[in-house]
Amino acid sequence: MKILEQIRLDYQHFPHHQSYHLYADDVYFQDPLNRFRGVDRYQRMIGFIGHWFRAIDLQLHDIQYIGPSQIHTRWTLSWVAPLPWQPAMSIPGHSELALGDDGKIISHIDYWDCSRLAVLKQVFSLQD
């Protein structure tokens, strides 16, 4: 389907050139750190990531339809944190996207396959 291909492209270009038109105006977003409604807020969150973090790489491992109105993705997000010692960080996870009757994404929920503490520990792991 066309939406799957567009999502694949969004992962390749993340955080730039995202297809915000795929999202409903009042899309619900949730991850382990955020919970909000609105495509404008979602766009600001992605913009924040693109502005402050370096070497951002969102690897898509799998994408599939689960029923007629559900898309699941599996991914790993990596980046360099904006700290003086520039820690390299990575979060493996998956997303559940729900589609409305009009085919737009009405819900985007990200799950991390690690704890928030495990992510925080990466900040303090000094790299050689």
N, C-alpha and C. Protein backbone atom coordinates (compact mmCIF):
# COMPACT_ATOMS: atom_id res chain seq x y z
N MET A 1 0.83 -1.19 0.00
CA MET A 1 0.00 0.00 0.00
C MET A 1 0.87 1.26 0.00
N LYS A 2 0.32 2.33 -0.46
CA LYS A 2 1.06 3.57 -0.61
C LYS A 2 1.52 4.16 0.72
N ILE A 3 0.71 4.08 1.76
CA ILE A 3 1.08 4.65 3.05
C ILE A 3 2.31 3.94 3.64
N LEU A 4 2.42 2.64 3.42
CA LEU A 4 3.59 1.91 3.93
C LEU A 4 4.87 2.42 3.27
N GLU A 5 4.81 2.66 1.97
CA GLU A 5 5.98 3.17 1.26
C GLU A 5 6.35 4.57 1.75
N GLN A 6 5.35 5.40 2.01
CA GLN A 6 5.63 6.75 2.50
C GLN A 6 6.24 6.71 3.90
N ILE A 7 5.77 5.81 4.74
CA ILE A 7 6.34 5.66 6.08
C ILE A 7 7.78 5.18 5.97
N ARG A 8 8.06 4.24 5.07
CA ARG A 8 9.44 3.79 4.84
C ARG A 8 10.35 4.97 4.49
N LEU A 9 9.87 5.82 3.61
CA LEU A 9 10.65 7.00 3.21
C LEU A 9 10.85 7.95 4.39
N ASP A 10 9.82 8.12 5.20
CA ASP A 10 9.95 8.98 6.38
C ASP A 10 11.03 8.46 7.32
N TYR A 11 11.09 7.17 7.52
CA TYR A 11 12.14 6.60 8.38
C TYR A 11 13.52 6.88 7.78
N GLN A 12 13.65 6.73 6.46
CA GLN A 12 14.94 6.97 5.80
C GLN A 12 15.40 8.41 5.95
N HIS A 13 14.47 9.36 5.91
CA HIS A 13 14.81 10.78 5.95
C HIS A 13 14.71 11.40 7.34
N PHE A 14 14.28 10.64 8.33
CA PHE A 14 14.04 11.18 9.67
C PHE A 14 15.26 11.92 10.20
N PRO A 15 15.08 13.10 10.77
CA PRO A 15 13.85 13.81 11.11
C PRO A 15 13.42 14.84 10.05
N HIS A 16 14.02 14.79 8.88
CA HIS A 16 13.72 15.78 7.85
C HIS A 16 12.69 15.23 6.85
N HIS A 17 12.00 16.13 6.18
CA HIS A 17 11.08 15.78 5.09
C HIS A 17 10.06 14.71 5.50
N GLN A 18 9.43 14.92 6.64
CA GLN A 18 8.43 13.98 7.13
C GLN A 18 7.07 14.26 6.47
N SER A 19 6.28 13.23 6.34
CA SER A 19 4.96 13.31 5.68
C SER A 19 3.87 13.60 6.70
N TYR A 20 3.86 14.80 7.21
CA TYR A 20 2.89 15.17 8.23
C TYR A 20 1.46 15.13 7.70
N HIS A 21 1.30 15.20 6.39
CA HIS A 21 -0.04 15.12 5.81
C HIS A 21 -0.69 13.75 6.01
N LEU A 22 0.09 12.75 6.37
CA LEU A 22 -0.45 11.42 6.65
C LEU A 22 -1.19 11.36 7.98
N TYR A 23 -0.98 12.39 8.82
CA TYR A 23 -1.52 12.40 10.18
C TYR A 23 -2.77 13.25 10.28
N ALA A 24 -3.74 12.79 11.06
CA ALA A 24 -4.94 13.58 11.35
C ALA A 24 -4.53 14.81 12.16
N ASP A 25 -5.26 15.88 12.03
CA ASP A 25 -4.94 17.11 12.76
C ASP A 25 -4.86 16.88 14.27
N ASP A 26 -5.72 16.01 14.79
CA ASP A 26 -5.76 15.76 16.23
C ASP A 26 -5.14 14.41 16.61
N VAL A 27 -4.15 13.97 15.84
CA VAL A 27 -3.49 12.69 16.09
C VAL A 27 -3.05 12.59 17.55
N TYR A 28 -3.20 11.39 18.11
CA TYR A 28 -2.74 11.12 19.47
C TYR A 28 -1.35 10.52 19.37
N PHE A 29 -0.39 11.09 20.10
CA PHE A 29 0.98 10.56 20.12
C PHE A 29 1.35 10.21 21.55
N GLN A 30 2.06 9.09 21.69
CA GLN A 30 2.57 8.70 23.00
C GLN A 30 3.87 7.94 22.83
N ASP A 31 4.83 8.23 23.70
CA ASP A 31 6.04 7.43 23.85
C ASP A 31 6.37 7.44 25.33
N PRO A 32 7.45 6.81 25.77
CA PRO A 32 7.75 6.77 27.20
C PRO A 32 8.02 8.14 27.84
N LEU A 33 8.20 9.18 27.05
CA LEU A 33 8.47 10.51 27.61
C LEU A 33 7.37 11.53 27.33
N ASN A 34 6.52 11.29 26.35
CA ASN A 34 5.54 12.27 25.90
C ASN A 34 4.17 11.64 25.74
N ARG A 35 3.17 12.51 25.85
CA ARG A 35 1.79 12.12 25.55
C ARG A 35 1.04 13.39 25.21
N PHE A 36 0.52 13.48 23.96
CA PHE A 36 -0.17 14.69 23.54
C PHE A 36 -1.03 14.41 22.33
N ARG A 37 -1.79 15.43 21.93
CA ARG A 37 -2.62 15.39 20.72
C ARG A 37 -2.20 16.53 19.79
N GLY A 38 -2.29 16.27 18.51
CA GLY A 38 -2.09 17.32 17.52
C GLY A 38 -0.89 17.11 16.63
N VAL A 39 -1.12 17.20 15.33
CA VAL A 39 -0.03 17.04 14.36
C VAL A 39 0.96 18.19 14.47
N ASP A 40 0.48 19.39 14.85
CA ASP A 40 1.40 20.51 15.01
C ASP A 40 2.37 20.26 16.15
N ARG A 41 1.92 19.68 17.22
CA ARG A 41 2.80 19.36 18.35
C ARG A 41 3.77 18.22 17.98
N TYR A 42 3.27 17.26 17.23
CA TYR A 42 4.12 16.17 16.74
C TYR A 42 5.23 16.74 15.86
N GLN A 43 4.88 17.66 15.00
CA GLN A 43 5.86 18.29 14.11
C GLN A 43 6.91 19.06 14.93
N ARG A 44 6.49 19.76 15.96
CA ARG A 44 7.44 20.49 16.81
C ARG A 44 8.39 19.53 17.54
N MET A 45 7.88 18.39 17.99
CA MET A 45 8.72 17.41 18.67
C MET A 45 9.80 16.87 17.71
N ILE A 46 9.41 16.55 16.49
CA ILE A 46 10.37 16.06 15.50
C ILE A 46 11.37 17.17 15.16
N GLY A 47 10.90 18.41 15.06
CA GLY A 47 11.79 19.53 14.81
C GLY A 47 12.81 19.73 15.93
N PHE A 48 12.38 19.54 17.16
CA PHE A 48 13.29 19.63 18.31
C PHE A 48 14.40 18.59 18.19
N ILE A 49 14.02 17.38 17.86
CA ILE A 49 15.00 16.30 17.71
C ILE A 49 16.00 16.67 16.61
N GLY A 50 15.48 17.13 15.47
CA GLY A 50 16.35 17.48 14.35
C GLY A 50 17.27 18.65 14.64
N HIS A 51 16.83 19.56 15.50
CA HIS A 51 17.63 20.75 15.82
C HIS A 51 18.74 20.44 16.84
N TRP A 52 18.44 19.65 17.85
CA TRP A 52 19.36 19.49 18.96
C TRP A 52 20.27 18.26 18.88
N PHE A 53 19.84 17.21 18.22
CA PHE A 53 20.63 15.98 18.19
C PHE A 53 21.39 15.85 16.87
N ARG A 54 22.50 15.12 16.93
CA ARG A 54 23.35 14.95 15.75
C ARG A 54 23.38 13.48 15.33
N ALA A 55 23.76 13.24 14.10
CA ALA A 55 23.95 11.89 13.57
C ALA A 55 22.71 11.02 13.84
N ILE A 56 21.55 11.58 13.57
CA ILE A 56 20.30 10.86 13.82
C ILE A 56 20.12 9.80 12.74
N ASP A 57 19.81 8.59 13.18
CA ASP A 57 19.61 7.47 12.26
C ASP A 57 18.44 6.64 12.77
N LEU A 58 17.37 6.59 12.00
CA LEU A 58 16.20 5.79 12.35
C LEU A 58 16.13 4.62 11.38
N GLN A 59 16.54 3.46 11.85
CA GLN A 59 16.55 2.25 11.02
C GLN A 59 15.23 1.52 11.15
N LEU A 60 14.57 1.30 10.04
CA LEU A 60 13.32 0.54 10.01
C LEU A 60 13.66 -0.92 9.76
N HIS A 61 13.29 -1.78 10.70
CA HIS A 61 13.57 -3.22 10.58
C HIS A 61 12.38 -3.97 9.99
N ASP A 62 11.17 -3.47 10.26
CA ASP A 62 9.98 -4.16 9.77
C ASP A 62 8.80 -3.19 9.76
N ILE A 63 7.93 -3.36 8.79
CA ILE A 63 6.69 -2.60 8.73
C ILE A 63 5.64 -3.51 8.13
N GLN A 64 4.45 -3.51 8.74
CA GLN A 64 3.39 -4.36 8.22
C GLN A 64 2.02 -3.88 8.68
N TYR A 65 1.05 -4.22 7.85
CA TYR A 65 -0.35 -4.01 8.23
C TYR A 65 -0.75 -5.10 9.20
N ILE A 66 -1.44 -4.71 10.26
CA ILE A 66 -2.04 -5.65 11.19
C ILE A 66 -3.54 -5.34 11.13
N GLY A 67 -4.25 -6.03 10.30
CA GLY A 67 -5.65 -5.70 10.09
C GLY A 67 -5.78 -4.50 9.16
N PRO A 68 -7.02 -4.09 8.90
CA PRO A 68 -7.25 -3.02 7.91
C PRO A 68 -6.89 -1.62 8.39
N SER A 69 -6.78 -1.41 9.70
CA SER A 69 -6.57 -0.05 10.18
C SER A 69 -5.41 0.07 11.17
N GLN A 70 -4.48 -0.86 11.14
CA GLN A 70 -3.37 -0.85 12.09
C GLN A 70 -2.07 -1.14 11.34
N ILE A 71 -1.04 -0.31 11.61
CA ILE A 71 0.29 -0.53 11.04
C ILE A 71 1.26 -0.67 12.21
N HIS A 72 2.11 -1.68 12.13
CA HIS A 72 3.16 -1.86 13.14
C HIS A 72 4.52 -1.70 12.48
N THR A 73 5.42 -1.02 13.18
CA THR A 73 6.80 -0.89 12.72
C THR A 73 7.74 -1.34 13.83
N ARG A 74 8.89 -1.81 13.45
CA ARG A 74 9.97 -2.13 14.39
C ARG A 74 11.18 -1.37 13.91
N TRP A 75 11.89 -0.70 14.85
CA TRP A 75 12.93 0.25 14.48
C TRP A 75 13.99 0.35 15.56
N THR A 76 15.08 1.03 15.20
CA THR A 76 16.12 1.44 16.15
C THR A 76 16.46 2.89 15.83
N LEU A 77 16.36 3.74 16.84
CA LEU A 77 16.70 5.15 16.71
C LEU A 77 18.04 5.38 17.40
N SER A 78 18.99 5.95 16.66
CA SER A 78 20.32 6.25 17.20
C SER A 78 20.62 7.72 16.96
N TRP A 79 21.44 8.30 17.83
CA TRP A 79 21.82 9.70 17.70
C TRP A 79 23.01 9.99 18.61
N VAL A 80 23.57 11.16 18.44
CA VAL A 80 24.61 11.66 19.34
C VAL A 80 23.97 12.79 20.14
N ALA A 81 24.04 12.66 21.46
CA ALA A 81 23.41 13.65 22.35
C ALA A 81 24.21 14.95 22.37
N PRO A 82 23.50 16.08 22.54
CA PRO A 82 24.16 17.39 22.51
C PRO A 82 24.82 17.74 23.84
N LEU A 83 25.78 16.94 24.22
CA LEU A 83 26.53 17.14 25.46
C LEU A 83 28.01 17.25 25.13
N PRO A 84 28.80 17.87 25.99
CA PRO A 84 30.22 18.07 25.67
C PRO A 84 30.96 16.77 25.33
N TRP A 85 30.62 15.67 25.96
CA TRP A 85 31.33 14.40 25.68
C TRP A 85 30.65 13.61 24.56
N GLN A 86 29.58 14.12 23.97
CA GLN A 86 28.91 13.58 22.80
C GLN A 86 28.63 12.07 22.87
N PRO A 87 27.83 11.65 23.84
CA PRO A 87 27.53 10.22 23.93
C PRO A 87 26.67 9.74 22.76
N ALA A 88 27.05 8.61 22.22
CA ALA A 88 26.24 7.94 21.20
C ALA A 88 25.16 7.15 21.93
N MET A 89 23.93 7.31 21.47
CA MET A 89 22.80 6.68 22.15
C MET A 89 21.95 5.92 21.14
N SER A 90 21.17 4.96 21.65
CA SER A 90 20.35 4.15 20.78
C SER A 90 19.16 3.59 21.56
N ILE A 91 18.01 3.58 20.90
CA ILE A 91 16.80 3.00 21.48
C ILE A 91 16.18 2.06 20.45
N PRO A 92 16.08 0.77 20.77
CA PRO A 92 15.30 -0.12 19.92
C PRO A 92 13.83 -0.04 20.35
N GLY A 93 12.93 -0.15 19.40
CA GLY A 93 11.53 -0.07 19.78
C GLY A 93 10.61 -0.45 18.65
N HIS A 94 9.33 -0.23 18.91
CA HIS A 94 8.31 -0.47 17.89
C HIS A 94 7.18 0.53 18.05
N SER A 95 6.42 0.69 16.98
CA SER A 95 5.32 1.65 16.96
C SER A 95 4.06 0.96 16.50
N GLU A 96 2.93 1.45 17.05
CA GLU A 96 1.61 1.04 16.61
C GLU A 96 0.91 2.29 16.08
N LEU A 97 0.55 2.26 14.82
CA LEU A 97 -0.15 3.37 14.18
C LEU A 97 -1.56 2.91 13.82
N ALA A 98 -2.55 3.68 14.26
CA ALA A 98 -3.95 3.38 13.94
C ALA A 98 -4.41 4.35 12.86
N LEU A 99 -5.17 3.83 11.91
CA LEU A 99 -5.68 4.63 10.80
C LEU A 99 -7.17 4.89 10.98
N GLY A 100 -7.58 6.11 10.67
CA GLY A 100 -8.99 6.47 10.69
C GLY A 100 -9.67 6.06 9.41
N ASP A 101 -10.96 6.29 9.34
CA ASP A 101 -11.74 5.93 8.15
C ASP A 101 -11.24 6.63 6.88
N ASP A 102 -10.63 7.80 7.06
CA ASP A 102 -10.12 8.55 5.91
C ASP A 102 -8.70 8.13 5.51
N GLY A 103 -8.14 7.13 6.22
CA GLY A 103 -6.81 6.63 5.89
C GLY A 103 -5.68 7.40 6.56
N LYS A 104 -6.01 8.43 7.35
CA LYS A 104 -4.97 9.19 8.05
C LYS A 104 -4.65 8.53 9.38
N ILE A 105 -3.43 8.76 9.85
CA ILE A 105 -2.98 8.20 11.13
C ILE A 105 -3.64 9.00 12.25
N ILE A 106 -4.41 8.31 13.09
CA ILE A 106 -5.12 8.97 14.20
C ILE A 106 -4.45 8.69 15.54
N SER A 107 -3.55 7.71 15.56
CA SER A 107 -2.84 7.37 16.79
C SER A 107 -1.47 6.81 16.43
N HIS A 108 -0.45 7.30 17.15
CA HIS A 108 0.94 6.85 16.93
C HIS A 108 1.53 6.62 18.31
N ILE A 109 1.71 5.36 18.66
CA ILE A 109 2.23 5.02 19.99
C ILE A 109 3.56 4.29 19.81
N ASP A 110 4.60 4.86 20.41
CA ASP A 110 5.94 4.27 20.38
C ASP A 110 6.21 3.54 21.68
N TYR A 111 6.81 2.37 21.56
CA TYR A 111 7.23 1.57 22.71
C TYR A 111 8.73 1.36 22.60
N TRP A 112 9.42 1.55 23.69
CA TRP A 112 10.86 1.28 23.73
C TRP A 112 11.07 -0.14 24.21
N ASP A 113 12.02 -0.84 23.61
CA ASP A 113 12.36 -2.19 24.02
C ASP A 113 13.46 -2.17 25.09
N CYS A 114 13.55 -1.07 25.79
CA CYS A 114 14.49 -0.91 26.90
C CYS A 114 13.87 0.10 27.87
N SER A 115 14.38 0.15 29.05
CA SER A 115 13.84 1.06 30.05
C SER A 115 14.37 2.48 29.85
N ARG A 116 13.68 3.44 30.43
CA ARG A 116 14.17 4.82 30.40
C ARG A 116 15.51 4.90 31.12
N LEU A 117 15.69 4.10 32.17
CA LEU A 117 16.96 4.08 32.90
C LEU A 117 18.09 3.58 31.99
N ALA A 118 17.83 2.57 31.20
CA ALA A 118 18.85 2.07 30.27
C ALA A 118 19.27 3.15 29.28
N VAL A 119 18.32 3.95 28.84
CA VAL A 119 18.63 5.06 27.92
C VAL A 119 19.46 6.11 28.66
N LEU A 120 19.06 6.46 29.87
CA LEU A 120 19.79 7.44 30.66
C LEU A 120 21.23 6.98 30.93
N LYS A 121 21.42 5.72 31.16
CA LYS A 121 22.77 5.20 31.40
C LYS A 121 23.69 5.43 30.20
N GLN A 122 23.12 5.46 29.00
CA GLN A 122 23.93 5.70 27.81
C GLN A 122 24.54 7.09 27.82
N VAL A 123 23.88 8.03 28.48
CA VAL A 123 24.39 9.40 28.58
C VAL A 123 25.72 9.42 29.33
N PHE A 124 25.85 8.53 30.30
CA PHE A 124 27.03 8.55 31.18
C PHE A 124 28.05 7.49 30.83
N SER A 125 27.82 6.74 29.77
CA SER A 125 28.80 5.76 29.29
C SER A 125 29.81 6.51 28.44
N LEU A 126 30.99 6.69 28.93
CA LEU A 126 32.02 7.38 28.16
C LEU A 126 32.57 6.45 27.10
N GLN A 127 32.63 6.95 25.89
CA GLN A 127 33.13 6.18 24.75
C GLN A 127 34.63 6.38 24.61
N ASP A 128 35.33 5.35 24.17
CA ASP A 128 36.77 5.46 23.91
C ASP A 128 37.00 6.17 22.59
